[in-house]
PDB file of N, CA and C in Angstrom:
ATOM      1  N   UNK A   1       0.642  -0.999  -0.143  1.00  0.00           N
ATOM      2  CA  UNK A   1      -0.379  -0.070  -0.133  1.00  0.00           C
ATOM      3  C   UNK A   1       0.928   1.244   0.081  1.00  0.00           C
ATOM      4  N   UNK A   2       0.424   2.158  -0.499  1.00  0.00           N
ATOM      5  CA  UNK A   2       1.203   3.668  -0.990  1.00  0.00           C
ATOM      6  C   UNK A   2       1.005   4.639   0.847  1.00  0.00           C
ATOM      7  N   UNK A   3       1.346   4.822   0.975  1.00  0.00           N
ATOM      8  CA  UNK A   3       1.073   5.984   1.674  1.00  0.00           C
ATOM      9  C   UNK A   3       0.172   7.087   2.085  1.00  0.00           C
ATOM     10  N   UNK A   4      -0.308   7.433   0.948  1.00  0.00           N
ATOM     11  CA  UNK A   4      -1.532   7.962   0.505  1.00  0.00           C
ATOM     12  C   UNK A   4      -2.811   7.298   0.864  1.00  0.00           C
ATOM     13  N   UNK A   5      -2.546   5.921   0.406  1.00  0.00           N
ATOM     14  CA  UNK A   5      -3.607   4.594   0.579  1.00  0.00           C
ATOM     15  C   UNK A   5      -4.163   4.525   2.043  1.00  0.00           C
ATOM     16  N   UNK A   6      -3.308   4.735   2.810  1.00  0.00           N
ATOM     17  CA  UNK A   6      -3.467   4.698   4.241  1.00  0.00           C
ATOM     18  C   UNK A   6      -3.080   5.461   5.014  1.00  0.00           C
ATOM     19  N   UNK A   7      -3.582   7.005   4.591  1.00  0.00           N
ATOM     20  CA  UNK A   7      -3.812   8.172   5.895  1.00  0.00           C
ATOM     21  C   UNK A   7      -4.579   7.891   6.409  1.00  0.00           C
ATOM     22  N   UNK A   8      -5.975   7.493   6.009  1.00  0.00           N
ATOM     23  CA  UNK A   8      -6.983   7.420   7.440  1.00  0.00           C
ATOM     24  C   UNK A   8      -6.865   6.347   8.215  1.00  0.00           C
ATOM     25  N   UNK A   9      -6.240   5.086   7.787  1.00  0.00           N
ATOM     26  CA  UNK A   9      -6.140   4.122   8.665  1.00  0.00           C
ATOM     27  C   UNK A   9      -4.817   4.659   9.823  1.00  0.00           C
ATOM     28  N   UNK A  10      -3.821   4.971   9.268  1.00  0.00           N
ATOM     29  CA  UNK A  10      -2.926   5.620   9.754  1.00  0.00           C
ATOM     30  C   UNK A  10      -3.341   6.957  10.925  1.00  0.00           C
ATOM     31  N   UNK A  11      -4.355   7.446  10.889  1.00  0.00           N
ATOM     32  CA  UNK A  11      -4.380   8.219  11.870  1.00  0.00           C
ATOM     33  C   UNK A  11      -5.254   7.542  12.543  1.00  0.00           C
ATOM     34  N   UNK A  12      -6.111   6.661  12.791  1.00  0.00           N
ATOM     35  CA  UNK A  12      -6.646   5.727  13.259  1.00  0.00           C
ATOM     36  C   UNK A  12      -5.706   5.146  14.456  1.00  0.00           C
ATOM     37  N   UNK A  13      -4.884   4.635  13.712  1.00  0.00           N
ATOM     38  CA  UNK A  13      -3.484   4.094  14.408  1.00  0.00           C
ATOM     39  C   UNK A  13      -2.998   5.311  15.381  1.00  0.00           C
ATOM     40  N   UNK A  14      -2.823   6.373  15.223  1.00  0.00           N
ATOM     41  CA  UNK A  14      -2.193   7.285  16.273  1.00  0.00           C
ATOM     42  C   UNK A  14      -3.231   7.648  17.416  1.00  0.00           C
ATOM     43  N   UNK A  15      -4.314   6.885  17.084  1.00  0.00           N
ATOM     44  CA  UNK A  15      -5.639   7.132  18.279  1.00  0.00           C
ATOM     45  C   UNK A  15      -4.717   6.601  19.747  1.00  0.00           C
ATOM     46  N   UNK A  16      -5.200   7.416  20.677  1.00  0.00           N
ATOM     47  CA  UNK A  16      -4.523   7.014  22.285  1.00  0.00           C
ATOM     48  C   UNK A  16      -5.519   5.621  22.512  1.00  0.00           C
ATOM     49  N   UNK A  17      -6.261   4.985  21.692  1.00  0.00           N
ATOM     50  CA  UNK A  17      -7.176   3.965  22.632  1.00  0.00           C
ATOM     51  C   UNK A  17      -6.737   2.861  22.037  1.00  0.00           C
ATOM     52  N   UNK A  18      -5.982   2.002  22.812  1.00  0.00           N
ATOM     53  CA  UNK A  18      -5.324   0.898  22.664  1.00  0.00           C
ATOM     54  C   UNK A  18      -6.477   0.075  21.487  1.00  0.00           C
ATOM     55  N   UNK A  19      -7.661  -0.576  21.887  1.00  0.00           N
ATOM     56  CA  UNK A  19      -8.319  -0.930  21.003  1.00  0.00           C
ATOM     57  C   UNK A  19      -8.477  -0.756  20.009  1.00  0.00           C
ATOM     58  N   UNK A  20      -8.431   0.628  19.526  1.00  0.00           N
ATOM     59  CA  UNK A  20      -8.825   1.384  17.989  1.00  0.00           C
ATOM     60  C   UNK A  20      -7.320   0.820  17.290  1.00  0.00           C
ATOM     61  N   UNK A  21      -6.356   0.782  17.983  1.00  0.00           N
ATOM     62  CA  UNK A  21      -5.234   0.512  17.238  1.00  0.00           C
ATOM     63  C   UNK A  21      -5.329  -0.906  16.981  1.00  0.00           C
ATOM     64  N   UNK A  22      -5.494  -1.742  18.319  1.00  0.00           N
ATOM     65  CA  UNK A  22      -5.670  -3.087  17.520  1.00  0.00           C
ATOM     66  C   UNK A  22      -6.997  -3.416  16.486  1.00  0.00           C
ATOM     67  N   UNK A  23      -7.787  -2.827  16.797  1.00  0.00           N
ATOM     68  CA  UNK A  23      -8.581  -2.917  15.380  1.00  0.00           C
ATOM     69  C   UNK A  23      -8.219  -2.491  14.169  1.00  0.00           C
ATOM     70  N   UNK A  24      -7.154  -1.558  14.145  1.00  0.00           N
ATOM     71  CA  UNK A  24      -6.974  -1.275  12.629  1.00  0.00           C
ATOM     72  C   UNK A  24      -5.681  -2.080  12.695  1.00  0.00           C
ATOM     73  N   UNK A  25      -4.924  -2.401  13.371  1.00  0.00           N
ATOM     74  CA  UNK A  25      -3.866  -3.450  13.195  1.00  0.00           C
ATOM     75  C   UNK A  25      -4.782  -5.042  12.744  1.00  0.00           C
ATOM     76  N   UNK A  26      -5.384  -5.223  13.150  1.00  0.00           N
ATOM     77  CA  UNK A  26      -6.279  -6.619  12.958  1.00  0.00           C
ATOM     78  C   UNK A  26      -7.042  -6.363  11.118  1.00  0.00           C
ATOM     79  N   UNK A  27      -7.304  -5.156  10.917  1.00  0.00           N
ATOM     80  CA  UNK A  27      -7.446  -4.529   9.393  1.00  0.00           C
ATOM     81  C   UNK A  27      -6.159  -4.895   8.702  1.00  0.00           C
ATOM     82  N   UNK A  28      -4.828  -4.490   9.100  1.00  0.00           N
ATOM     83  CA  UNK A  28      -3.504  -4.617   7.872  1.00  0.00           C
ATOM     84  C   UNK A  28      -3.298  -6.390   8.504  1.00  0.00           C
ATOM     85  N   UNK A  29      -3.519  -6.947   9.427  1.00  0.00           N
ATOM     86  CA  UNK A  29      -3.365  -8.601   9.347  1.00  0.00           C
ATOM     87  C   UNK A  29      -4.425  -9.333   8.663  1.00  0.00           C
ATOM     88  N   UNK A  30      -5.812  -8.755   8.811  1.00  0.00           N
ATOM     89  CA  UNK A  30      -6.574  -9.473   7.676  1.00  0.00           C
ATOM     90  C   UNK A  30      -5.898  -9.589   6.154  1.00  0.00           C
ATOM     91  N   UNK A  31      -5.767  -8.358   5.933  1.00  0.00           N
ATOM     92  CA  UNK A  31      -5.243  -7.700   4.112  1.00  0.00           C
ATOM     93  C   UNK A  31      -4.197  -8.922   3.929  1.00  0.00           C
ATOM     94  N   UNK A  32      -3.074  -8.561   4.844  1.00  0.00           N
ATOM     95  CA  UNK A  32      -2.204  -9.481   4.406  1.00  0.00           C
ATOM     96  C   UNK A  32      -2.558 -11.137   4.401  1.00  0.00           C
ATOM     97  N   UNK A  33      -3.175 -11.656   5.792  1.00  0.00           N
ATOM     98  CA  UNK A  33      -3.570 -13.212   5.226  1.00  0.00           C
ATOM     99  C   UNK A  33      -4.584 -13.605   4.002  1.00  0.00           C
ATOM    100  N   UNK A  34      -5.214 -12.494   3.924  1.00  0.00           N
ATOM    101  CA  UNK A  34      -6.215 -13.037   2.712  1.00  0.00           C
ATOM    102  C   UNK A  34      -5.254 -12.490   1.234  1.00  0.00           C
ATOM    103  N   UNK A  35      -4.157 -11.767   1.582  1.00  0.00           N
ATOM    104  CA  UNK A  35      -3.435 -11.491  -0.015  1.00  0.00           C
ATOM    105  C   UNK A  35      -4.026 -10.511  -0.676  1.00  0.00           C
ATOM    106  N   UNK A  36      -5.046  -9.609   0.336  1.00  0.00           N
ATOM    107  CA  UNK A  36      -5.698  -8.305  -0.419  1.00  0.00           C
ATOM    108  C   UNK A  36      -4.669  -7.113  -1.028  1.00  0.00           C
ATOM    109  N   UNK A  37      -4.775  -6.621  -2.266  1.00  0.00           N
ATOM    110  CA  UNK A  37      -4.596  -5.269  -2.407  1.00  0.00           C
ATOM    111  C   UNK A  37      -4.705  -4.205  -1.701  1.00  0.00           C
ATOM    112  N   UNK A  38      -3.983  -3.049  -1.786  1.00  0.00           N
ATOM    113  CA  UNK A  38      -4.657  -1.644  -1.145  1.00  0.00           C
ATOM    114  C   UNK A  38      -5.717  -1.107  -1.287  1.00  0.00           C
ATOM    115  N   UNK A  39      -6.046  -1.762  -2.800  1.00  0.00           N
ATOM    116  CA  UNK A  39      -7.737  -0.879  -2.804  1.00  0.00           C
ATOM    117  C   UNK A  39      -8.894  -1.768  -2.072  1.00  0.00           C
ATOM    118  N   UNK A  40      -8.771  -3.099  -1.602  1.00  0.00           N
ATOM    119  CA  UNK A  40      -9.562  -4.079  -1.380  1.00  0.00           C
ATOM    120  C   UNK A  40      -9.279  -3.671   0.397  1.00  0.00           C
ATOM    121  N   UNK A  41      -8.229  -3.310   0.769  1.00  0.00           N
ATOM    122  CA  UNK A  41      -7.954  -3.153   2.138  1.00  0.00           C
ATOM    123  C   UNK A  41      -8.470  -1.830   2.495  1.00  0.00           C
ATOM    124  N   UNK A  42      -8.093  -1.067   1.737  1.00  0.00           N
ATOM    125  CA  UNK A  42      -8.875   0.545   2.102  1.00  0.00           C
ATOM    126  C   UNK A  42     -10.145   0.534   2.291  1.00  0.00           C
ATOM    127  N   UNK A  43     -11.208  -0.509   1.246  1.00  0.00           N
ATOM    128  CA  UNK A  43     -12.404  -0.648   1.161  1.00  0.00           C
ATOM    129  C   UNK A  43     -13.054  -0.958   1.932  1.00  0.00           C
ATOM    130  N   UNK A  44     -12.357  -2.061   3.324  1.00  0.00           N
ATOM    131  CA  UNK A  44     -12.715  -2.321   4.176  1.00  0.00           C
ATOM    132  C   UNK A  44     -12.903  -1.280   5.571  1.00  0.00           C
ATOM    133  N   UNK A  45     -11.443  -0.516   5.645  1.00  0.00           N
ATOM    134  CA  UNK A  45     -11.798   0.480   6.452  1.00  0.00           C
ATOM    135  C   UNK A  45     -12.431   1.744   6.507  1.00  0.00           C
ATOM    136  N   UNK A  46     -12.972   1.800   4.790  1.00  0.00           N
ATOM    137  CA  UNK A  46     -13.984   3.212   4.508  1.00  0.00           C
ATOM    138  C   UNK A  46     -15.174   2.938   4.591  1.00  0.00           C
ATOM    139  N   UNK A  47     -15.576   1.143   4.560  1.00  0.00           N
ATOM    140  CA  UNK A  47     -16.939   0.742   4.795  1.00  0.00           C
ATOM    141  C   UNK A  47     -17.194   0.699   6.199  1.00  0.00           C
ATOM    142  N   UNK A  48     -16.625   0.689   7.122  1.00  0.00           N
ATOM    143  CA  UNK A  48     -16.653   0.360   8.855  1.00  0.00           C
ATOM    144  C   UNK A  48     -17.702   1.255   8.943  1.00  0.00           C
ATOM    145  N   UNK A  49     -18.644   1.416   9.432  1.00  0.00           N
ATOM    146  CA  UNK A  49     -19.683   2.702  10.074  1.00  0.00           C
ATOM    147  C   UNK A  49     -18.771   2.603  11.261  1.00  0.00           C
ATOM    148  N   UNK A  50     -19.256   3.771  12.126  1.00  0.00           N
ATOM    149  CA  UNK A  50     -19.183   3.995  13.877  1.00  0.00           C
ATOM    150  C   UNK A  50     -19.450   2.577  14.487  1.00  0.00           C
ATOM    151  N   UNK A  51     -21.183   2.155  14.045  1.00  0.00           N
ATOM    152  CA  UNK A  51     -21.466   1.116  14.928  1.00  0.00           C
ATOM    153  C   UNK A  51     -20.314  -0.577  14.504  1.00  0.00           C
ATOM    154  N   UNK A  52     -19.959  -0.481  13.293  1.00  0.00           N
ATOM    155  CA  UNK A  52     -19.044  -1.751  12.944  1.00  0.00           C
ATOM    156  C   UNK A  52     -18.147  -1.855  13.916  1.00  0.00           C
ATOM    157  N   UNK A  53     -16.946  -0.439  13.789  1.00  0.00           N
ATOM    158  CA  UNK A  53     -16.309  -0.416  14.421  1.00  0.00           C
ATOM    159  C   UNK A  53     -16.081  -0.590  15.818  1.00  0.00           C
ATOM    160  N   UNK A  54     -17.183   0.005  16.301  1.00  0.00           N
ATOM    161  CA  UNK A  54     -17.614  -0.151  17.973  1.00  0.00           C
ATOM    162  C   UNK A  54     -17.792  -1.779  18.312  1.00  0.00           C
ATOM    163  N   UNK A  55     -18.469  -2.464  17.158  1.00  0.00           N
ATOM    164  CA  UNK A  55     -18.779  -3.659  17.475  1.00  0.00           C
ATOM    165  C   UNK A  55     -17.564  -4.644  17.878  1.00  0.00           C
ATOM    166  N   UNK A  56     -16.598  -4.148  16.818  1.00  0.00           N
ATOM    167  CA  UNK A  56     -15.049  -5.070  16.627  1.00  0.00           C
ATOM    168  C   UNK A  56     -14.444  -4.476  17.362  1.00  0.00           C
ATOM    169  N   UNK A  57     -14.593  -3.388  18.059  1.00  0.00           N
ATOM    170  CA  UNK A  57     -14.187  -3.121  19.386  1.00  0.00           C
ATOM    171  C   UNK A  57     -14.270  -3.994  20.708  1.00  0.00           C
ATOM    172  N   UNK A  58     -15.733  -3.885  20.939  1.00  0.00           N
ATOM    173  CA  UNK A  58     -16.138  -5.115  21.789  1.00  0.00           C
ATOM    174  C   UNK A  58     -15.790  -6.239  21.570  1.00  0.00           C
ATOM    175  N   UNK A  59     -15.208  -6.884  20.257  1.00  0.00           N
ATOM    176  CA  UNK A  59     -15.165  -8.117  20.097  1.00  0.00           C
ATOM    177  C   UNK A  59     -13.476  -8.366  20.538  1.00  0.00           C
ATOM    178  N   UNK A  60     -12.909  -6.974  20.318  1.00  0.00           N
ATOM    179  CA  UNK A  60     -11.419  -7.633  20.798  1.00  0.00           C
ATOM    180  C   UNK A  60     -11.345  -7.316  22.101  1.00  0.00           C
ATOM    181  N   UNK A  61     -12.131  -6.883  22.720  1.00  0.00           N
ATOM    182  CA  UNK A  61     -12.344  -6.608  24.166  1.00  0.00           C
ATOM    183  C   UNK A  61     -12.526  -7.794  25.026  1.00  0.00           C
ATOM    184  N   UNK A  62     -13.524  -8.810  24.085  1.00  0.00           N
ATOM    185  CA  UNK A  62     -14.317 -10.138  24.642  1.00  0.00           C
ATOM    186  C   UNK A  62     -13.316 -11.036  24.081  1.00  0.00           C
ATOM    187  N   UNK A  63     -12.393 -10.641  23.573  1.00  0.00           N
ATOM    188  CA  UNK A  63     -11.335 -11.410  23.105  1.00  0.00           C
ATOM    189  C   UNK A  63     -11.527 -12.938  22.213  1.00  0.00           C
ATOM    190  N   UNK A  64     -11.979 -12.253  21.389  1.00  0.00           N
ATOM    191  CA  UNK A  64     -12.978 -13.184  19.877  1.00  0.00           C
ATOM    192  C   UNK A  64     -11.960 -13.544  19.444  1.00  0.00           C
ATOM    193  N   UNK A  65     -12.361 -14.806  18.830  1.00  0.00           N
ATOM    194  CA  UNK A  65     -11.009 -15.412  17.997  1.00  0.00           C
ATOM    195  C   UNK A  65     -11.184 -14.738  16.933  1.00  0.00           C
ATOM    196  N   UNK A  66      -9.648 -14.616  16.101  1.00  0.00           N
ATOM    197  CA  UNK A  66      -9.246 -14.283  14.459  1.00  0.00           C
ATOM    198  C   UNK A  66      -9.921 -14.634  13.785  1.00  0.00           C
ATOM    199  N   UNK A  67     -10.510 -15.582  13.731  1.00  0.00           N
ATOM    200  CA  UNK A  67     -11.437 -16.496  12.886  1.00  0.00           C
ATOM    201  C   UNK A  67     -12.885 -15.978  12.546  1.00  0.00           C
ATOM    202  N   UNK A  68     -13.562 -15.050  13.895  1.00  0.00           N
ATOM    203  CA  UNK A  68     -14.920 -14.718  14.018  1.00  0.00           C
ATOM    204  C   UNK A  68     -14.408 -13.512  13.409  1.00  0.00           C
ATOM    205  N   UNK A  69     -13.615 -12.629  13.851  1.00  0.00           N
ATOM    206  CA  UNK A  69     -13.220 -11.061  13.574  1.00  0.00           C
ATOM    207  C   UNK A  69     -13.052 -10.876  11.790  1.00  0.00           C
ATOM    208  N   UNK A  70     -12.219 -12.338  11.187  1.00  0.00           N
ATOM    209  CA  UNK A  70     -12.356 -12.157   9.946  1.00  0.00           C
ATOM    210  C   UNK A  70     -13.668 -12.666   9.217  1.00  0.00           C
ATOM    211  N   UNK A  71     -14.525 -13.170   9.787  1.00  0.00           N
ATOM    212  CA  UNK A  71     -15.953 -13.519   8.959  1.00  0.00           C
ATOM    213  C   UNK A  71     -16.496 -11.521   9.264  1.00  0.00           C
ATOM    214  N   UNK A  72     -16.216 -11.105  10.518  1.00  0.00           N
ATOM    215  CA  UNK A  72     -16.848  -9.786  10.122  1.00  0.00           C
ATOM    216  C   UNK A  72     -16.058  -8.930   9.015  1.00  0.00           C
ATOM    217  N   UNK A  73     -14.714  -9.068   8.262  1.00  0.00           N
ATOM    218  CA  UNK A  73     -14.193  -8.299   7.506  1.00  0.00           C
ATOM    219  C   UNK A  73     -14.529  -9.059   6.141  1.00  0.00           C
ATOM    220  N   UNK A  74     -14.805 -10.081   5.762  1.00  0.00           N
ATOM    221  CA  UNK A  74     -15.278 -10.578   4.998  1.00  0.00           C
ATOM    222  C   UNK A  74     -16.766 -10.351   4.466  1.00  0.00           C
ATOM    223  N   UNK A  75     -17.600 -10.305   5.629  1.00  0.00           N
ATOM    224  CA  UNK A  75     -19.142  -9.292   4.831  1.00  0.00           C
ATOM    225  C   UNK A  75     -18.862  -8.327   4.738  1.00  0.00           C
ATOM    226  N   UNK A  76     -18.180  -7.694   5.158  1.00  0.00           N
ATOM    227  CA  UNK A  76     -17.957  -6.107   5.244  1.00  0.00           C
ATOM    228  C   UNK A  76     -17.516  -5.891   3.789  1.00  0.00           C
ATOM    229  N   UNK A  77     -16.719  -6.926   3.215  1.00  0.00           N
ATOM    230  CA  UNK A  77     -16.505  -6.338   2.003  1.00  0.00           C
ATOM    231  C   UNK A  77     -17.391  -7.069   0.642  1.00  0.00           C
ATOM    232  N   UNK A  78     -18.273  -7.396   1.126  1.00  0.00           N
ATOM    233  CA  UNK A  78     -19.460  -8.338   0.200  1.00  0.00           C
ATOM    234  C   UNK A  78     -20.375  -7.342   0.050  1.00  0.00           C
TER     235      UNK A  78
END
């Protein structure tokens, strides 16, 4: 991914909230695991509504499995 494509994601990573940072890190990891290109990865981030993001944060807090979180990202990409 180019720096330009990651600007909004990097801003979220700069967040003071460690759970937000973890969710954004999971987006990166998902993209690497699924071998997605930069556009697809950015699409996940752009399609996340505040409710989606809060749900993912809750999943992280509740120590959900990565495969369950990946299912959420799969649904977002559809």
